[in-house]
Protein backbone atom coordinates (compact mmCIF):
# COMPACT_ATOMS: atom_id res chain seq x y z
CA MET A 1 147.54 57.32 167.53
CA ILE A 2 149.81 54.35 168.07
CA ALA A 3 152.84 56.66 168.15
CA VAL A 4 151.11 58.94 170.68
CA LEU A 5 150.19 55.97 172.89
CA ILE A 6 153.76 54.64 172.75
CA GLY A 7 155.07 58.12 173.53
CA LEU A 8 152.86 58.23 176.63
CA ALA A 9 153.46 54.62 177.71
CA VAL A 10 157.27 54.55 177.53
CA PRO A 11 157.86 57.37 180.07
CA LEU A 12 155.24 55.87 182.41
CA VAL A 13 156.93 52.47 182.24
CA ILE A 14 160.34 54.04 182.87
CA VAL A 15 159.05 56.03 185.87
CA GLY A 16 157.33 52.89 187.20
CA LEU A 17 160.50 50.83 186.91
CA ILE A 18 162.55 53.54 188.63
CA GLY A 19 160.06 53.56 191.50
CA LEU A 20 160.02 49.76 191.66
CA PHE A 21 163.79 49.45 191.99
CA ASP A 22 164.28 52.54 194.19
CA ASN A 23 165.12 51.11 197.63
CA LYS A 24 166.28 54.32 199.38
CA ILE A 25 164.34 56.62 201.71
CA ARG A 26 163.48 59.79 199.78
CA SER A 27 160.78 61.48 201.85
CA LYS A 28 158.87 61.41 205.14
CA LYS A 29 156.10 59.51 203.35
CA ASP A 30 158.45 56.54 202.88
CA ILE A 31 158.72 56.37 206.68
CA LEU A 32 155.18 57.22 207.76
CA ASP A 33 153.62 54.76 205.29
CA VAL A 34 155.33 51.96 207.23
CA VAL A 35 155.41 53.10 210.85
CA ASN A 36 153.61 55.74 212.90
CA ILE A 37 156.42 57.53 214.70
CA PRO A 38 157.07 61.21 215.52
CA ILE A 39 159.57 63.02 213.29
CA VAL A 40 161.51 64.88 215.97
CA GLY A 41 164.04 66.62 213.72
CA GLU A 42 164.88 67.28 210.08
CA ILE A 43 168.52 68.19 209.56
CA GLY A 44 169.90 69.58 206.30
CA HIS A 45 173.08 68.78 204.43
CA ASN A 46 176.31 70.11 205.94
CA ASN A 47 178.80 71.41 203.39
CA SER A 48 181.15 72.67 206.07
CA SER A 49 184.40 70.93 206.90
CA SER A 50 183.52 71.35 210.58
CA VAL A 51 181.32 68.84 212.40
CA LEU A 52 180.36 71.46 215.00
CA VAL A 53 177.60 73.43 213.27
CA VAL A 54 175.86 74.75 216.40
CA LYS A 55 177.37 77.85 217.93
CA GLU A 56 176.10 80.51 220.30
CA LYS A 57 174.27 83.30 218.43
CA ASP A 58 174.65 81.33 215.18
CA ARG A 59 171.76 82.05 212.80
CA SER A 60 172.57 79.50 210.11
CA VAL A 61 169.87 77.13 208.85
CA LEU A 62 171.55 74.06 210.38
CA ALA A 63 171.86 75.75 213.76
CA GLU A 64 168.16 76.65 213.68
CA GLN A 65 167.23 73.09 212.76
CA PHE A 66 169.10 71.79 215.81
CA ARG A 67 167.31 74.39 217.97
CA ILE A 68 163.99 73.05 216.68
CA LEU A 69 165.18 69.52 217.47
CA ARG A 70 166.10 70.70 220.98
CA THR A 71 162.58 72.10 221.45
CA ASN A 72 160.95 68.90 220.19
CA LEU A 73 163.08 66.87 222.58
CA GLN A 74 161.45 68.69 225.48
CA PHE A 75 158.09 67.27 224.38
CA LEU A 76 159.53 63.77 223.85
CA THR A 77 161.11 63.74 227.32
CA SER A 78 158.28 65.56 229.11
CA GLY A 79 157.98 64.37 232.71
CA LYS A 80 161.47 62.88 232.72
CA ASN A 81 164.01 64.29 235.18
CA ASN A 82 167.55 64.64 233.83
CA PRO A 83 166.70 62.51 230.77
CA ILE A 84 169.01 60.06 229.03
CA ILE A 85 168.66 60.42 225.25
CA LEU A 86 169.92 57.62 223.04
CA PHE A 87 171.02 58.08 219.42
CA THR A 88 171.06 55.06 217.12
CA SER A 89 170.39 54.08 213.49
CA SER A 90 170.12 51.13 211.13
CA MET A 91 173.68 51.08 209.88
CA SER A 92 176.92 53.02 209.82
CA GLY A 93 177.07 56.33 207.97
CA GLU A 94 173.63 57.73 208.81
CA GLY A 95 174.90 60.56 211.02
CA LYS A 96 174.48 59.38 214.63
CA SER A 97 177.62 60.95 215.99
CA PHE A 98 177.20 64.24 214.09
CA ASN A 99 173.61 64.64 215.29
CA SER A 100 174.22 63.50 218.87
CA LEU A 101 177.18 65.87 219.27
CA ASN A 102 175.39 68.92 217.85
CA THR A 103 172.22 68.14 219.81
CA ALA A 104 174.28 67.95 223.01
CA LEU A 105 176.01 71.21 222.12
CA SER A 106 172.67 72.90 221.42
CA LEU A 107 171.41 71.83 224.86
CA ALA A 108 174.64 73.04 226.49
CA ILE A 109 174.44 76.46 224.82
CA SER A 110 170.92 76.84 226.26
CA GLY A 111 172.44 76.76 229.74
CA LYS A 112 171.95 73.08 230.59
CA LYS A 113 174.73 70.94 232.02
CA VAL A 114 175.12 68.20 229.42
CA LEU A 115 177.13 65.00 229.19
CA ILE A 116 177.70 63.20 225.89
CA MET A 117 178.72 59.56 226.21
CA GLU A 118 180.66 57.79 223.47
CA MET A 119 178.97 54.40 223.82
CA ASP A 120 179.61 53.11 220.33
CA LEU A 121 182.36 50.91 221.73
CA ARG A 122 183.13 49.30 218.38
CA LYS A 123 183.60 52.42 216.27
CA PRO A 124 183.92 55.50 218.55
CA GLN A 125 183.68 58.87 216.78
CA ILE A 126 182.88 61.57 219.36
CA SER A 127 186.40 61.85 220.79
CA LYS A 128 187.79 62.17 217.25
CA MET A 129 185.30 64.91 216.41
CA LEU A 130 186.22 66.85 219.55
CA ASN A 131 189.92 66.05 219.17
CA ILE A 132 190.23 64.79 222.74
CA PRO A 133 192.23 61.77 224.00
CA ASN A 134 190.44 58.45 224.21
CA SER A 135 192.95 56.65 226.41
CA LYS A 136 190.65 56.64 229.45
CA GLY A 137 186.89 56.27 229.36
CA TYR A 138 183.94 53.96 229.88
CA SER A 139 185.80 50.69 229.23
CA ASN A 140 188.52 51.63 231.76
CA TYR A 141 185.88 52.40 234.38
CA MET A 142 184.13 49.08 233.84
CA ILE A 143 187.21 46.91 234.36
CA SER A 144 188.91 48.83 237.18
CA ASP A 145 188.25 50.79 240.36
CA ILE A 146 188.86 54.28 238.95
CA SER A 147 186.42 57.02 239.93
CA ILE A 148 183.66 58.44 237.74
CA GLU A 149 185.29 61.88 237.99
CA SER A 150 188.43 60.55 236.33
CA ILE A 151 186.62 59.65 233.10
CA ILE A 152 184.57 62.85 232.75
CA THR A 153 186.33 65.32 230.43
CA GLN A 154 185.55 68.92 229.51
CA SER A 155 184.58 69.07 225.84
CA GLY A 156 186.62 72.17 225.06
CA VAL A 157 183.81 73.69 222.95
CA ASP A 158 181.38 74.86 225.67
CA GLU A 159 181.73 75.15 229.43
CA ASN A 160 178.46 73.24 229.95
CA LEU A 161 179.35 70.29 227.72
CA PHE A 162 181.24 67.32 229.15
CA VAL A 163 182.33 64.01 227.62
CA ILE A 164 182.84 60.41 228.66
CA SER A 165 184.75 58.74 225.84
CA SER A 166 184.61 55.04 225.07
CA GLY A 167 188.13 54.30 226.23
CA PRO A 168 190.16 51.53 224.56
CA ILE A 169 187.97 49.33 222.36
CA PRO A 170 187.08 46.21 224.40
CA PRO A 171 186.85 42.67 223.00
CA ASN A 172 183.40 42.21 224.58
CA PRO A 173 181.34 45.44 224.21
CA SER A 174 177.92 43.84 224.74
CA GLU A 175 179.03 42.04 227.89
CA LEU A 176 180.39 45.27 229.37
CA LEU A 177 177.14 47.09 228.68
CA MET A 178 175.09 44.33 230.29
CA GLN A 179 176.86 44.59 233.65
CA GLU A 180 175.00 46.04 236.61
CA LYS A 181 177.83 48.55 236.98
CA THR A 182 176.63 50.26 233.78
CA LYS A 183 173.19 50.91 235.29
CA GLU A 184 174.82 52.21 238.47
CA LEU A 185 176.98 54.55 236.37
CA PHE A 186 173.94 56.06 234.64
CA VAL A 187 172.08 56.50 237.96
CA ASN A 188 175.08 58.39 239.32
CA LEU A 189 175.43 60.54 236.20
CA LYS A 190 171.73 61.50 236.20
CA SER A 191 172.29 63.22 239.54
CA ARG A 192 175.14 65.28 238.05
CA PHE A 193 173.81 66.40 234.66
CA ASP A 194 170.63 67.94 233.24
CA TYR A 195 170.89 65.87 230.06
CA ILE A 196 172.85 62.76 229.11
CA VAL A 197 173.22 62.19 225.36
CA VAL A 198 174.36 58.70 224.38
CA ASP A 199 175.89 57.94 220.99
CA THR A 200 175.61 54.18 220.57
CA ALA A 201 176.13 51.57 217.87
CA PRO A 202 173.73 51.02 214.93
CA ILE A 203 170.75 49.01 216.08
CA GLY A 204 170.59 47.09 212.82
CA LEU A 205 174.09 45.64 213.22
CA VAL A 206 174.65 44.78 216.91
CA ALA A 207 172.65 44.45 220.13
CA ASP A 208 174.44 47.25 222.05
CA ALA A 209 171.72 49.87 221.51
CA PHE A 210 169.02 47.51 222.82
CA ILE A 211 170.97 47.10 226.06
CA VAL A 212 171.43 50.84 226.61
CA GLY A 213 167.90 51.47 225.34
CA LYS A 214 166.46 49.84 228.46
CA ILE A 215 168.09 52.60 230.53
CA ALA A 216 167.33 55.54 228.18
CA ASP A 217 164.33 57.85 228.64
CA ALA A 218 164.07 58.53 224.88
CA ALA A 219 165.66 57.15 221.73
CA LEU A 220 166.27 58.97 218.45
CA TYR A 221 166.58 56.87 215.31
CA LEU A 222 168.62 58.39 212.48
CA ILE A 223 167.37 58.00 208.91
CA ARG A 224 169.51 59.56 206.20
CA GLN A 225 167.80 60.75 203.04
CA ASN A 226 168.93 59.00 199.84
CA TYR A 227 171.05 56.59 201.94
CA THR A 228 168.95 54.57 204.42
CA LEU A 229 167.25 51.56 202.84
CA LYS A 230 163.45 51.36 202.85
CA GLY A 231 163.69 47.88 204.35
CA GLN A 232 165.30 49.35 207.45
CA VAL A 233 162.04 51.13 208.30
CA SER A 234 160.43 47.72 208.78
CA LEU A 235 163.15 46.99 211.35
CA LEU A 236 162.17 50.19 213.17
CA LYS A 237 158.50 49.15 213.05
CA ASN A 238 159.34 45.77 214.62
CA ILE A 239 161.36 47.42 217.39
CA ILE A 240 158.41 49.64 218.29
CA GLU A 241 155.79 46.88 218.07
CA GLU A 242 157.90 44.53 220.22
CA LYS A 243 158.63 47.41 222.66
CA ARG A 244 162.34 46.62 222.63
CA ILE A 245 163.04 50.35 223.04
CA ASN A 246 160.45 52.78 224.35
CA ASN A 247 159.69 56.41 223.54
CA MET A 248 161.28 56.55 220.10
CA GLY A 249 161.43 59.37 217.58
CA VAL A 250 163.06 59.82 214.18
CA ILE A 251 165.59 62.33 212.90
CA ILE A 252 165.80 62.64 209.12
CA ASN A 253 169.36 63.59 208.33
CA ASP A 254 171.30 65.04 205.40
CA ILE A 255 168.30 66.48 203.57
CA GLN A 256 169.47 68.02 200.30
CA SER A 257 167.77 70.30 197.82
CA GLY A 258 167.35 69.37 194.20
CA ARG A 259 165.49 66.72 192.29
CA ASN A 260 165.91 64.09 194.99
CA SER A 261 164.48 66.14 197.84
CA TYR A 262 160.91 65.14 196.91
CA GLY A 263 159.13 68.02 198.54
CA TYR A 264 160.54 68.15 202.03
CA GLY A 265 158.92 71.12 203.70
CA TYR A 266 159.64 72.68 207.05
CA GLY A 267 157.27 75.61 207.25
CA TYR A 268 160.15 78.09 207.37
CA GLY A 269 159.18 79.89 204.18
CA TYR A 270 162.28 79.09 202.17
CA GLY A 271 162.78 76.64 199.36
CA TYR A 272 166.29 77.19 198.16
CA GLY A 273 167.98 74.18 199.73
CA TYR A 274 170.00 73.27 202.77
CA GLY A 275 173.60 72.79 201.60
CA TYR A 276 175.56 75.72 202.98
CA GLY A 277 179.20 76.42 203.63
CA TYR A 278 179.98 77.63 207.11
CA GLY A 279 183.27 79.51 206.70
CA TYR A 280 183.73 83.24 206.39
CA GLY A 281 181.74 85.70 204.31
CA ALA A 282 178.36 85.44 206.01
CA LYS A 283 175.45 87.22 204.39
CA ASN A 284 172.51 88.33 206.47
CA LYS A 285 169.36 87.07 204.74
CA GLY A 286 166.81 87.86 207.45
CA TYR A 287 165.91 84.95 209.70
CA TYR A 288 169.10 83.03 208.96
CA VAL A 289 172.69 83.78 208.12
CA GLU A 290 173.84 82.04 204.98
CA GLU A 291 177.51 81.73 204.30
CA GLU A 292 178.84 81.61 200.81
CA ASN A 293 181.03 78.78 199.60
CA ASN A 294 183.93 80.44 197.76
CA SER A 295 185.53 77.40 196.14
CA ILE A 296 186.45 77.72 192.45
CA LYS A 297 183.71 75.25 191.50
CA ASP A 298 181.04 77.25 193.32
CA LYS A 299 182.26 80.54 191.84
CA ILE A 300 181.96 79.09 188.33
CA GLN A 301 178.47 77.76 189.08
CA ARG A 302 177.35 81.16 190.42
CA PHE A 303 178.82 82.86 187.33
CA ILE A 304 176.92 80.52 184.98
CA ARG A 305 173.68 81.05 186.92
CA GLY A 306 174.23 84.79 186.62
CA LEU A 307 174.35 84.46 182.81
CA ASN A 308 171.08 82.52 182.68
CA PRO A 309 168.39 84.88 181.26
CA PHE A 310 165.62 82.60 182.60
CA LYS A 311 166.92 82.68 186.18
CA ARG A 312 164.20 83.51 188.72
CA ARG A 313 164.68 86.99 190.14
């Protein structure tokens, strides 16, 4: 009896200790237990080497998830004309730029005229992702008399998607954002575009997002599964309670299948994971188009799974 009790107690203690020291966000419950906020989007893991996962007539899982995000945004910005949508997060590496760019592209593909603004003036990423020059942008406009037209660039990926890059990194990003000229710029841009998507700095590191947040019509807060710290959700709760940024929603990013997915469900009727390659060799699976990763490692793994007599058919 003692041996049985020890055998039962040891695993329970181990599981309890793992839970006690686990400080990463694993599921929606970890968020909703702390703060009541709408989950606007749930984006899977991207195995592709490309950051542009949304394409016209693309039926991949990631593309469909961004379409669902696009639909949910219409509810979040209901009643707002030509809305400004801010993307921010707790810290670097949670997927702000990836999500803001693909959300903007999804809106553009739907026929809307969209502008994405690279307003993370400390660590700009959008111009790198689109492979466009960043020699002239927002910072140039703020310190000179150049026209707005001169800093608006065609994205090169869709005729409806335009870009304002950050420009050269300034020594005083927060002070630039606080100027009245920034507000005037946004007022002017709202008359030109159906949507303005703003990729800004992490809210947990600098004050830049709070400044732009006063202008935005909606703000999307990125939380990355197995990466964002649970303590950061308390920061989000404080922001909402203090009304420092209004009309906020959450995007859960980089959701992966496997033992750490902890039961994420989307109501799509599939449970085989979200890590896909997006190269050639697409296979039509019904609602979505999966594309097979043909690396040597993946071929070996598929071969081993094929030899498994207990594999689910």
